[in-house]
C-alpha atoms as a PDB file:
ATOM      1  CA  UNK A   1     -26.271  -2.546  -6.549  1.00  0.00           C
ATOM      2  CA  UNK A   2     -25.486  -3.476  -2.971  1.00  0.00           C
ATOM      3  CA  UNK A   3     -24.745  -7.100  -2.198  1.00  0.00           C
ATOM      4  CA  UNK A   4     -24.751  -8.597   1.249  1.00  0.00           C
ATOM      5  CA  UNK A   5     -21.654 -10.469   2.351  1.00  0.00           C
ATOM      6  CA  UNK A   6     -23.941 -13.252   3.507  1.00  0.00           C
ATOM      7  CA  UNK A   7     -23.259 -15.875   0.859  1.00  0.00           C
ATOM      8  CA  UNK A   8     -25.144 -18.779   2.348  1.00  0.00           C
ATOM      9  CA  UNK A   9     -22.779 -21.253   3.945  1.00  0.00           C
ATOM     10  CA  UNK A  10     -19.056 -21.109   4.510  1.00  0.00           C
ATOM     11  CA  UNK A  11     -16.875 -19.146   2.062  1.00  0.00           C
ATOM     12  CA  UNK A  12     -15.017 -22.279   1.061  1.00  0.00           C
ATOM     13  CA  UNK A  13     -18.306 -23.908   0.072  1.00  0.00           C
ATOM     14  CA  UNK A  14     -19.132 -21.114  -2.366  1.00  0.00           C
ATOM     15  CA  UNK A  15     -17.930 -21.619  -5.955  1.00  0.00           C
ATOM     16  CA  UNK A  16     -14.954 -19.399  -6.731  1.00  0.00           C
ATOM     17  CA  UNK A  17     -16.538 -18.001  -9.878  1.00  0.00           C
ATOM     18  CA  UNK A  18     -19.570 -16.828  -7.873  1.00  0.00           C
ATOM     19  CA  UNK A  19     -17.387 -14.941  -5.386  1.00  0.00           C
ATOM     20  CA  UNK A  20     -15.336 -13.452  -8.202  1.00  0.00           C
ATOM     21  CA  UNK A  21     -18.500 -12.223  -9.910  1.00  0.00           C
ATOM     22  CA  UNK A  22     -19.751 -10.703  -6.659  1.00  0.00           C
ATOM     23  CA  UNK A  23     -16.434  -8.970  -6.176  1.00  0.00           C
ATOM     24  CA  UNK A  24     -16.515  -7.413  -9.639  1.00  0.00           C
ATOM     25  CA  UNK A  25     -20.099  -6.233  -9.140  1.00  0.00           C
ATOM     26  CA  UNK A  26     -19.418  -4.697  -5.754  1.00  0.00           C
ATOM     27  CA  UNK A  27     -16.220  -2.919  -6.717  1.00  0.00           C
ATOM     28  CA  UNK A  28     -17.878  -1.562  -9.820  1.00  0.00           C
ATOM     29  CA  UNK A  29     -21.019  -0.328  -8.107  1.00  0.00           C
ATOM     30  CA  UNK A  30     -19.388   1.246  -5.058  1.00  0.00           C
ATOM     31  CA  UNK A  31     -16.487   2.835  -6.909  1.00  0.00           C
ATOM     32  CA  UNK A  32     -18.219   6.134  -7.460  1.00  0.00           C
ATOM     33  CA  UNK A  33     -16.109   9.185  -8.329  1.00  0.00           C
ATOM     34  CA  UNK A  34     -14.606  10.362  -5.056  1.00  0.00           C
ATOM     35  CA  UNK A  35     -14.884  14.005  -4.078  1.00  0.00           C
ATOM     36  CA  UNK A  36     -13.381  15.984  -1.247  1.00  0.00           C
ATOM     37  CA  UNK A  37     -15.200  15.134   1.950  1.00  0.00           C
ATOM     38  CA  UNK A  38     -17.200  18.173   3.148  1.00  0.00           C
ATOM     39  CA  UNK A  39     -16.916  19.441   6.700  1.00  0.00           C
ATOM     40  CA  UNK A  40     -19.808  20.560   8.914  1.00  0.00           C
ATOM     41  CA  UNK A  41     -20.479  24.221   9.677  1.00  0.00           C
ATOM     42  CA  UNK A  42     -19.552  25.629  13.076  1.00  0.00           C
ATOM     43  CA  UNK A  43     -23.095  25.001  14.279  1.00  0.00           C
ATOM     44  CA  UNK A  44     -22.246  21.301  14.451  1.00  0.00           C
ATOM     45  CA  UNK A  45     -21.664  21.793  18.165  1.00  0.00           C
ATOM     46  CA  UNK A  46     -25.400  22.271  18.719  1.00  0.00           C
ATOM     47  CA  UNK A  47     -26.860  20.128  21.495  1.00  0.00           C
ATOM     48  CA  UNK A  48     -29.405  17.468  20.554  1.00  0.00           C
ATOM     49  CA  UNK A  49     -32.850  17.519  22.213  1.00  0.00           C
ATOM     50  CA  UNK A  50     -33.356  15.702  25.493  1.00  0.00           C
ATOM     51  CA  UNK A  51     -34.915  12.256  25.572  1.00  0.00           C
ATOM     52  CA  UNK A  52     -38.079  13.707  27.105  1.00  0.00           C
ATOM     53  CA  UNK A  53     -38.639  15.717  23.924  1.00  0.00           C
ATOM     54  CA  UNK A  54     -38.852  12.637  21.677  1.00  0.00           C
ATOM     55  CA  UNK A  55     -41.991  11.585  19.903  1.00  0.00           C
ATOM     56  CA  UNK A  56     -42.973   8.870  17.461  1.00  0.00           C
ATOM     57  CA  UNK A  57     -41.324   9.020  14.039  1.00  0.00           C
ATOM     58  CA  UNK A  58     -43.266  10.286  11.058  1.00  0.00           C
ATOM     59  CA  UNK A  59     -44.793   7.525   8.973  1.00  0.00           C
ATOM     60  CA  UNK A  60     -44.694   7.689   5.196  1.00  0.00           C
ATOM     61  CA  UNK A  61     -47.928   8.663   3.497  1.00  0.00           C
ATOM     62  CA  UNK A  62     -49.361   9.156   0.034  1.00  0.00           C
ATOM     63  CA  UNK A  63     -48.173  12.777   0.030  1.00  0.00           C
ATOM     64  CA  UNK A  64     -44.601  11.585  -0.340  1.00  0.00           C
ATOM     65  CA  UNK A  65     -43.090  11.744  -3.783  1.00  0.00           C
ATOM     66  CA  UNK A  66     -42.139   8.429  -5.366  1.00  0.00           C
ATOM     67  CA  UNK A  67     -38.443   7.620  -5.329  1.00  0.00           C
ATOM     68  CA  UNK A  68     -38.736   6.785  -9.046  1.00  0.00           C
ATOM     69  CA  UNK A  69     -39.231  10.499  -9.772  1.00  0.00           C
ATOM     70  CA  UNK A  70     -35.921  11.433  -8.182  1.00  0.00           C
ATOM     71  CA  UNK A  71     -32.933  11.946 -10.422  1.00  0.00           C
ATOM     72  CA  UNK A  72     -29.806   9.832  -9.961  1.00  0.00           C
ATOM     73  CA  UNK A  73     -27.944  10.817  -6.814  1.00  0.00           C
ATOM     74  CA  UNK A  74     -30.638  13.242  -5.687  1.00  0.00           C
ATOM     75  CA  UNK A  75     -31.714  13.528  -2.068  1.00  0.00           C
ATOM     76  CA  UNK A  76     -34.901  15.517  -1.548  1.00  0.00           C
ATOM     77  CA  UNK A  77     -36.717  17.219   1.315  1.00  0.00           C
ATOM     78  CA  UNK A  78     -40.225  15.816   1.694  1.00  0.00           C
ATOM     79  CA  UNK A  79     -41.578  18.096   4.407  1.00  0.00           C
ATOM     80  CA  UNK A  80     -39.909  20.982   6.229  1.00  0.00           C
ATOM     81  CA  UNK A  81     -41.102  22.713   9.378  1.00  0.00           C
ATOM     82  CA  UNK A  82     -39.161  25.587  10.951  1.00  0.00           C
ATOM     83  CA  UNK A  83     -35.755  26.831   9.854  1.00  0.00           C
ATOM     84  CA  UNK A  84     -33.747  24.289   7.883  1.00  0.00           C
ATOM     85  CA  UNK A  85     -30.801  25.380   5.740  1.00  0.00           C
ATOM     86  CA  UNK A  86     -27.582  24.541   3.951  1.00  0.00           C
ATOM     87  CA  UNK A  87     -25.164  27.375   4.627  1.00  0.00           C
ATOM     88  CA  UNK A  88     -27.283  30.529   4.375  1.00  0.00           C
ATOM     89  CA  UNK A  89     -29.830  29.021   1.969  1.00  0.00           C
ATOM     90  CA  UNK A  90     -33.165  27.797   3.309  1.00  0.00           C
ATOM     91  CA  UNK A  91     -34.512  24.380   2.358  1.00  0.00           C
ATOM     92  CA  UNK A  92     -38.169  24.117   1.463  1.00  0.00           C
ATOM     93  CA  UNK A  93     -40.536  21.169   1.177  1.00  0.00           C
ATOM     94  CA  UNK A  94     -40.063  19.282  -2.076  1.00  0.00           C
ATOM     95  CA  UNK A  95     -36.671  20.819  -2.829  1.00  0.00           C
ATOM     96  CA  UNK A  96     -33.644  18.716  -3.824  1.00  0.00           C
ATOM     97  CA  UNK A  97     -30.583  19.002  -1.586  1.00  0.00           C
ATOM     98  CA  UNK A  98     -27.237  20.186  -2.955  1.00  0.00           C
ATOM     99  CA  UNK A  99     -24.886  17.172  -3.191  1.00  0.00           C
ATOM    100  CA  UNK A 100     -22.798  16.531  -0.066  1.00  0.00           C
ATOM    101  CA  UNK A 101     -23.849  19.663   1.798  1.00  0.00           C
ATOM    102  CA  UNK A 102     -24.350  19.743   5.558  1.00  0.00           C
ATOM    103  CA  UNK A 103     -27.874  20.599   6.668  1.00  0.00           C
ATOM    104  CA  UNK A 104     -28.574  22.631   9.807  1.00  0.00           C
ATOM    105  CA  UNK A 105     -31.895  22.489  11.649  1.00  0.00           C
ATOM    106  CA  UNK A 106     -32.619  25.171  14.220  1.00  0.00           C
ATOM    107  CA  UNK A 107     -34.292  24.378  17.532  1.00  0.00           C
ATOM    108  CA  UNK A 108     -37.812  22.900  17.197  1.00  0.00           C
ATOM    109  CA  UNK A 109     -37.399  22.520  13.425  1.00  0.00           C
ATOM    110  CA  UNK A 110     -38.131  19.255  11.652  1.00  0.00           C
ATOM    111  CA  UNK A 111     -37.500  17.896   8.168  1.00  0.00           C
ATOM    112  CA  UNK A 112     -38.147  14.605   6.404  1.00  0.00           C
ATOM    113  CA  UNK A 113     -35.912  13.481   3.542  1.00  0.00           C
ATOM    114  CA  UNK A 114     -35.980  10.737   0.918  1.00  0.00           C
ATOM    115  CA  UNK A 115     -32.996   9.306  -0.937  1.00  0.00           C
ATOM    116  CA  UNK A 116     -33.010   8.420  -4.628  1.00  0.00           C
ATOM    117  CA  UNK A 117     -33.580   4.805  -3.557  1.00  0.00           C
ATOM    118  CA  UNK A 118     -36.681   5.673  -1.524  1.00  0.00           C
ATOM    119  CA  UNK A 119     -35.197   5.483   1.986  1.00  0.00           C
ATOM    120  CA  UNK A 120     -36.960   7.942   4.280  1.00  0.00           C
ATOM    121  CA  UNK A 121     -35.836   9.507   7.546  1.00  0.00           C
ATOM    122  CA  UNK A 122     -36.842  12.448   9.710  1.00  0.00           C
ATOM    123  CA  UNK A 123     -34.539  14.912  11.460  1.00  0.00           C
ATOM    124  CA  UNK A 124     -35.438  16.914  14.557  1.00  0.00           C
ATOM    125  CA  UNK A 125     -33.608  20.134  15.453  1.00  0.00           C
ATOM    126  CA  UNK A 126     -31.387  21.379  16.718  1.00  0.00           C
ATOM    127  CA  UNK A 127     -29.273  19.205  14.425  1.00  0.00           C
ATOM    128  CA  UNK A 128     -26.410  19.170  11.933  1.00  0.00           C
ATOM    129  CA  UNK A 129     -26.425  16.312   9.434  1.00  0.00           C
ATOM    130  CA  UNK A 130     -25.317  15.349   5.948  1.00  0.00           C
ATOM    131  CA  UNK A 131     -28.007  13.232   4.269  1.00  0.00           C
ATOM    132  CA  UNK A 132     -27.219  10.924   1.338  1.00  0.00           C
ATOM    133  CA  UNK A 133     -23.439  11.208   1.712  1.00  0.00           C
ATOM    134  CA  UNK A 134     -21.783  10.629  -1.677  1.00  0.00           C
ATOM    135  CA  UNK A 135     -25.243   9.888  -3.144  1.00  0.00           C
ATOM    136  CA  UNK A 136     -25.451   6.683  -1.094  1.00  0.00           C
ATOM    137  CA  UNK A 137     -27.624   5.409   1.744  1.00  0.00           C
ATOM    138  CA  UNK A 138     -25.283   6.992   4.277  1.00  0.00           C
ATOM    139  CA  UNK A 139     -26.210   9.765   6.720  1.00  0.00           C
ATOM    140  CA  UNK A 140     -23.551  11.644   8.699  1.00  0.00           C
ATOM    141  CA  UNK A 141     -24.868  12.980  12.017  1.00  0.00           C
ATOM    142  CA  UNK A 142     -22.753  15.508  13.870  1.00  0.00           C
ATOM    143  CA  UNK A 143     -25.547  16.400  16.303  1.00  0.00           C
ATOM    144  CA  UNK A 144     -29.308  16.030  16.594  1.00  0.00           C
ATOM    145  CA  UNK A 145     -32.044  13.409  16.480  1.00  0.00           C
ATOM    146  CA  UNK A 146     -32.985  11.166  13.565  1.00  0.00           C
ATOM    147  CA  UNK A 147     -35.867   8.714  13.229  1.00  0.00           C
ATOM    148  CA  UNK A 148     -36.399   6.034  10.591  1.00  0.00           C
ATOM    149  CA  UNK A 149     -39.333   3.819   9.645  1.00  0.00           C
ATOM    150  CA  UNK A 150     -38.915   0.294   8.303  1.00  0.00           C
ATOM    151  CA  UNK A 151     -40.254  -0.366   4.830  1.00  0.00           C
ATOM    152  CA  UNK A 152     -39.740   2.501   2.361  1.00  0.00           C
ATOM    153  CA  UNK A 153     -36.746   1.942   0.094  1.00  0.00           C
ATOM    154  CA  UNK A 154     -35.702  -1.372   1.655  1.00  0.00           C
ATOM    155  CA  UNK A 155     -34.306  -3.876  -0.852  1.00  0.00           C
ATOM    156  CA  UNK A 156     -32.575  -7.266  -0.491  1.00  0.00           C
ATOM    157  CA  UNK A 157     -28.908  -6.742   0.355  1.00  0.00           C
ATOM    158  CA  UNK A 158     -29.115  -2.926   0.399  1.00  0.00           C
ATOM    159  CA  UNK A 159     -27.975  -1.398   3.682  1.00  0.00           C
ATOM    160  CA  UNK A 160     -28.046   1.979   5.401  1.00  0.00           C
ATOM    161  CA  UNK A 161     -25.238   3.535   7.453  1.00  0.00           C
ATOM    162  CA  UNK A 162     -25.891   6.194  10.111  1.00  0.00           C
ATOM    163  CA  UNK A 163     -22.508   7.561  11.188  1.00  0.00           C
ATOM    164  CA  UNK A 164     -21.528   9.733  14.155  1.00  0.00           C
ATOM    165  CA  UNK A 165     -18.068  10.946  15.260  1.00  0.00           C
ATOM    166  CA  UNK A 166     -17.959   8.013  17.709  1.00  0.00           C
ATOM    167  CA  UNK A 167     -19.286   5.082  15.719  1.00  0.00           C
ATOM    168  CA  UNK A 168     -21.909   3.943  13.247  1.00  0.00           C
ATOM    169  CA  UNK A 169     -25.102   1.958  12.895  1.00  0.00           C
ATOM    170  CA  UNK A 170     -25.632  -0.399   9.957  1.00  0.00           C
ATOM    171  CA  UNK A 171     -28.977  -1.950   9.016  1.00  0.00           C
ATOM    172  CA  UNK A 172     -30.966  -3.361   6.117  1.00  0.00           C
ATOM    173  CA  UNK A 173     -34.479  -2.435   7.262  1.00  0.00           C
ATOM    174  CA  UNK A 174     -35.328  -1.030  10.684  1.00  0.00           C
ATOM    175  CA  UNK A 175     -37.259   1.545  12.663  1.00  0.00           C
ATOM    176  CA  UNK A 176     -35.150   3.412  15.187  1.00  0.00           C
ATOM    177  CA  UNK A 177     -34.463   6.663  16.990  1.00  0.00           C
ATOM    178  CA  UNK A 178     -30.891   7.943  16.905  1.00  0.00           C
ATOM    179  CA  UNK A 179     -29.954  10.855  19.196  1.00  0.00           C
ATOM    180  CA  UNK A 180     -26.471  12.375  18.997  1.00  0.00           C
ATOM    181  CA  UNK A 181     -24.936  14.801  21.512  1.00  0.00           C
ATOM    182  CA  UNK A 182     -21.372  16.010  21.975  1.00  0.00           C
ATOM    183  CA  UNK A 183     -20.546  13.075  24.271  1.00  0.00           C
ATOM    184  CA  UNK A 184     -22.553  10.104  22.991  1.00  0.00           C
ATOM    185  CA  UNK A 185     -25.114   8.683  20.607  1.00  0.00           C
ATOM    186  CA  UNK A 186     -28.170   6.814  21.889  1.00  0.00           C
ATOM    187  CA  UNK A 187     -30.030   4.316  19.722  1.00  0.00           C
ATOM    188  CA  UNK A 188     -33.460   2.827  20.390  1.00  0.00           C
ATOM    189  CA  UNK A 189     -34.649   0.083  18.022  1.00  0.00           C
ATOM    190  CA  UNK A 190     -38.408  -0.378  17.622  1.00  0.00           C
ATOM    191  CA  UNK A 191     -38.452  -2.710  14.610  1.00  0.00           C
ATOM    192  CA  UNK A 192     -35.925  -4.850  12.773  1.00  0.00           C
ATOM    193  CA  UNK A 193     -32.277  -5.426  13.632  1.00  0.00           C
ATOM    194  CA  UNK A 194     -29.200  -3.210  13.494  1.00  0.00           C
ATOM    195  CA  UNK A 195     -25.449  -3.619  13.872  1.00  0.00           C
ATOM    196  CA  UNK A 196     -23.511  -1.135  16.010  1.00  0.00           C
ATOM    197  CA  UNK A 197     -19.862  -0.537  15.117  1.00  0.00           C
ATOM    198  CA  UNK A 198     -17.556   1.340  17.510  1.00  0.00           C
ATOM    199  CA  UNK A 199     -13.909   1.729  16.416  1.00  0.00           C
ATOM    200  CA  UNK A 200     -11.701  -0.772  18.227  1.00  0.00           C
ATOM    201  CA  UNK A 201     -14.581  -3.128  19.041  1.00  0.00           C
ATOM    202  CA  UNK A 202     -16.435  -5.931  17.325  1.00  0.00           C
ATOM    203  CA  UNK A 203     -19.853  -5.125  15.888  1.00  0.00           C
ATOM    204  CA  UNK A 204     -22.801  -5.678  18.223  1.00  0.00           C
ATOM    205  CA  UNK A 205     -26.341  -6.579  17.148  1.00  0.00           C
ATOM    206  CA  UNK A 206     -29.469  -4.937  18.554  1.00  0.00           C
ATOM    207  CA  UNK A 207     -33.060  -6.025  17.920  1.00  0.00           C
ATOM    208  CA  UNK A 208     -36.466  -4.432  18.401  1.00  0.00           C
ATOM    209  CA  UNK A 209     -36.961  -3.358  21.997  1.00  0.00           C
ATOM    210  CA  UNK A 210     -33.235  -3.009  22.626  1.00  0.00           C
ATOM    211  CA  UNK A 211     -31.029   0.074  22.867  1.00  0.00           C
ATOM    212  CA  UNK A 212     -27.356   0.945  22.566  1.00  0.00           C
ATOM    213  CA  UNK A 213     -24.956   3.785  23.283  1.00  0.00           C
ATOM    214  CA  UNK A 214     -21.969   4.959  21.283  1.00  0.00           C
ATOM    215  CA  UNK A 215     -19.490   7.033  23.324  1.00  0.00           C
ATOM    216  CA  UNK A 216     -17.918   9.906  21.407  1.00  0.00           C
ATOM    217  CA  UNK A 217     -14.400   9.948  22.855  1.00  0.00           C
ATOM    218  CA  UNK A 218     -11.940   9.359  20.026  1.00  0.00           C
ATOM    219  CA  UNK A 219     -10.371  12.388  18.379  1.00  0.00           C
ATOM    220  CA  UNK A 220     -10.963  13.107  14.673  1.00  0.00           C
ATOM    221  CA  UNK A 221      -7.334  12.181  14.047  1.00  0.00           C
ATOM    222  CA  UNK A 222      -7.893   8.756  15.618  1.00  0.00           C
ATOM    223  CA  UNK A 223     -11.037   8.045  13.610  1.00  0.00           C
ATOM    224  CA  UNK A 224      -9.238   9.123  10.434  1.00  0.00           C
ATOM    225  CA  UNK A 225      -6.429   6.678  11.220  1.00  0.00           C
ATOM    226  CA  UNK A 226      -9.044   3.946  11.794  1.00  0.00           C
ATOM    227  CA  UNK A 227     -10.446   4.676   8.338  1.00  0.00           C
ATOM    228  CA  UNK A 228      -7.027   4.686   6.668  1.00  0.00           C
ATOM    229  CA  UNK A 229      -5.974   1.407   8.294  1.00  0.00           C
ATOM    230  CA  UNK A 230      -9.230  -0.303   7.324  1.00  0.00           C
ATOM    231  CA  UNK A 231      -8.971   0.980   3.754  1.00  0.00           C
ATOM    232  CA  UNK A 232      -5.380  -0.236   3.454  1.00  0.00           C
ATOM    233  CA  UNK A 233      -6.378  -3.661   4.760  1.00  0.00           C
ATOM    234  CA  UNK A 234      -9.238  -3.888   2.261  1.00  0.00           C
ATOM    235  CA  UNK A 235      -6.916  -2.907  -0.586  1.00  0.00           C
ATOM    236  CA  UNK A 236      -4.361  -5.543   0.422  1.00  0.00           C
ATOM    237  CA  UNK A 237      -7.045  -8.228   0.577  1.00  0.00           C
ATOM    238  CA  UNK A 238      -8.171  -7.144  -2.872  1.00  0.00           C
ATOM    239  CA  UNK A 239      -4.699  -7.891  -4.214  1.00  0.00           C
ATOM    240  CA  UNK A 240      -4.755 -11.274  -2.495  1.00  0.00           C
ATOM    241  CA  UNK A 241      -8.001 -12.091  -4.300  1.00  0.00           C
ATOM    242  CA  UNK A 242      -6.185 -11.730  -7.619  1.00  0.00           C
ATOM    243  CA  UNK A 243      -3.381 -14.015  -6.443  1.00  0.00           C
ATOM    244  CA  UNK A 244      -5.498 -16.585  -4.607  1.00  0.00           C
ATOM    245  CA  UNK A 245      -4.714 -20.204  -5.578  1.00  0.00           C
ATOM    246  CA  UNK A 246      -7.345 -22.521  -6.963  1.00  0.00           C
ATOM    247  CA  UNK A 247      -9.616 -23.585  -4.144  1.00  0.00           C
ATOM    248  CA  UNK A 248      -8.617 -20.654  -1.935  1.00  0.00           C
ATOM    249  CA  UNK A 249     -10.462 -17.820  -3.682  1.00  0.00           C
ATOM    250  CA  UNK A 250     -13.673 -18.245  -1.706  1.00  0.00           C
ATOM    251  CA  UNK A 251     -12.139 -17.565   1.692  1.00  0.00           C
ATOM    252  CA  UNK A 252     -10.073 -14.573   0.524  1.00  0.00           C
ATOM    253  CA  UNK A 253     -12.945 -13.008  -1.433  1.00  0.00           C
ATOM    254  CA  UNK A 254     -15.296 -13.315   1.548  1.00  0.00           C
ATOM    255  CA  UNK A 255     -12.698 -11.655   3.803  1.00  0.00           C
ATOM    256  CA  UNK A 256     -12.352  -8.856   1.253  1.00  0.00           C
ATOM    257  CA  UNK A 257     -16.102  -8.200   1.307  1.00  0.00           C
ATOM    258  CA  UNK A 258     -16.060  -7.972   5.106  1.00  0.00           C
ATOM    259  CA  UNK A 259     -13.067  -5.606   4.990  1.00  0.00           C
ATOM    260  CA  UNK A 260     -14.845  -3.308   2.530  1.00  0.00           C
ATOM    261  CA  UNK A 261     -17.922  -3.187   4.750  1.00  0.00           C
ATOM    262  CA  UNK A 262     -15.742  -2.277   7.736  1.00  0.00           C
ATOM    263  CA  UNK A 263     -13.980   0.428   5.708  1.00  0.00           C
ATOM    264  CA  UNK A 264     -17.294   1.911   4.634  1.00  0.00           C
ATOM    265  CA  UNK A 265     -18.412   2.233   8.248  1.00  0.00           C
ATOM    266  CA  UNK A 266     -15.151   3.566   9.697  1.00  0.00           C
ATOM    267  CA  UNK A 267     -14.605   6.101   6.914  1.00  0.00           C
ATOM    268  CA  UNK A 268     -18.162   7.364   7.412  1.00  0.00           C
ATOM    269  CA  UNK A 269     -17.389   7.764  11.134  1.00  0.00           C
ATOM    270  CA  UNK A 270     -14.293   9.804  10.270  1.00  0.00           C
ATOM    271  CA  UNK A 271     -16.312  12.002   7.898  1.00  0.00           C
ATOM    272  CA  UNK A 272     -18.940  12.622  10.589  1.00  0.00           C
ATOM    273  CA  UNK A 273     -16.212  13.906  12.928  1.00  0.00           C
ATOM    274  CA  UNK A 274     -14.697  16.355  10.458  1.00  0.00           C
ATOM    275  CA  UNK A 275     -16.089  19.332  12.391  1.00  0.00           C
ATOM    276  CA  UNK A 276     -13.571  18.805  15.177  1.00  0.00           C
ATOM    277  CA  UNK A 277     -10.417  19.306  13.116  1.00  0.00           C
ATOM    278  CA  UNK A 278      -8.337  22.446  12.623  1.00  0.00           C
ATOM    279  CA  UNK A 279      -6.695  21.610   9.290  1.00  0.00           C
ATOM    280  CA  UNK A 280      -9.883  20.615   7.480  1.00  0.00           C
ATOM    281  CA  UNK A 281      -8.342  20.697   4.002  1.00  0.00           C
ATOM    282  CA  UNK A 282      -5.641  18.147   4.857  1.00  0.00           C
ATOM    283  CA  UNK A 283      -8.165  16.012   6.753  1.00  0.00           C
ATOM    284  CA  UNK A 284     -10.507  16.018   3.773  1.00  0.00           C
ATOM    285  CA  UNK A 285      -7.747  15.014   1.349  1.00  0.00           C
ATOM    286  CA  UNK A 286      -6.593  12.112   3.529  1.00  0.00           C
ATOM    287  CA  UNK A 287     -10.144  10.912   4.021  1.00  0.00           C
ATOM    288  CA  UNK A 288     -10.852  11.119   0.292  1.00  0.00           C
ATOM    289  CA  UNK A 289      -7.718   9.097  -0.492  1.00  0.00           C
ATOM    290  CA  UNK A 290      -8.682   6.399   2.017  1.00  0.00           C
ATOM    291  CA  UNK A 291     -12.233   6.302   0.697  1.00  0.00           C
ATOM    292  CA  UNK A 292     -10.997   5.865  -2.867  1.00  0.00           C
ATOM    293  CA  UNK A 293      -8.569   3.152  -1.735  1.00  0.00           C
ATOM    294  CA  UNK A 294     -11.126   0.741  -0.299  1.00  0.00           C
ATOM    295  CA  UNK A 295     -13.606   1.406  -3.113  1.00  0.00           C
ATOM    296  CA  UNK A 296     -11.063   0.763  -5.865  1.00  0.00           C
ATOM    297  CA  UNK A 297     -11.048  -2.383  -7.965  1.00  0.00           C
ATOM    298  CA  UNK A 298      -8.230  -4.778  -7.013  1.00  0.00           C
ATOM    299  CA  UNK A 299      -5.067  -4.325  -9.069  1.00  0.00           C
ATOM    300  CA  UNK A 300      -1.788  -6.294  -8.974  1.00  0.00           C
END
């Protein structure tokens, strides 16, 4: 269960027991067993298609399999055209994806995927992506073009994160085109509203008809540090929730929810940039520790 941090009114106006219950629910639901963060194959340096090559996103149809038929944690290919693979294994239409495996699309290839929650998105090659990262509504995009359509899988409070090595997009329900190259990510919103998070900056909102760019300039080491700092801050706020005095729980709990959301985004950004590191094993261990830190339930 995903719960929005929007609590309706100021944090201090929200009963403390309500915020405490939300906190327990969120920490329990997002504290999935943490695994080593996978790194993209060498083909992650592939160049995304030019803007002139874009076309309208695929719309869901009756041919698509219901999300209710997907097993827990499963991410499945709906349709595949061209050469799409994980490692040296080809992906075919209707096939489930191996958990946390990077997917490579060759030039002019295309594939549509659905998460276990029913979220649908289409990838256009050349591209290197990791759909359904950690069995969540998170997509890591090292390179390529992704399109989404508002509607399928959207639920109150449930959000999607699209992460690149330079920043991330967060939304609840939106149609957009997301193109990632080695130097930047370009986002065009056609329906709904999104939030753009670039490390070191405040989040910026974009609505239908608007666009945004995310420069990819920070090194993988810098984005990993961003993730670790955010995770540490979230963990410290979690401890403060347990120690908050009567009447002060609302404000601290609300700040903790915001810190967890920030950690989720920044750690996804770090994971998306894992292809650019030399010591991948150490990078993966540090990222996994930070990820587990912000997800953990508060302890004294």
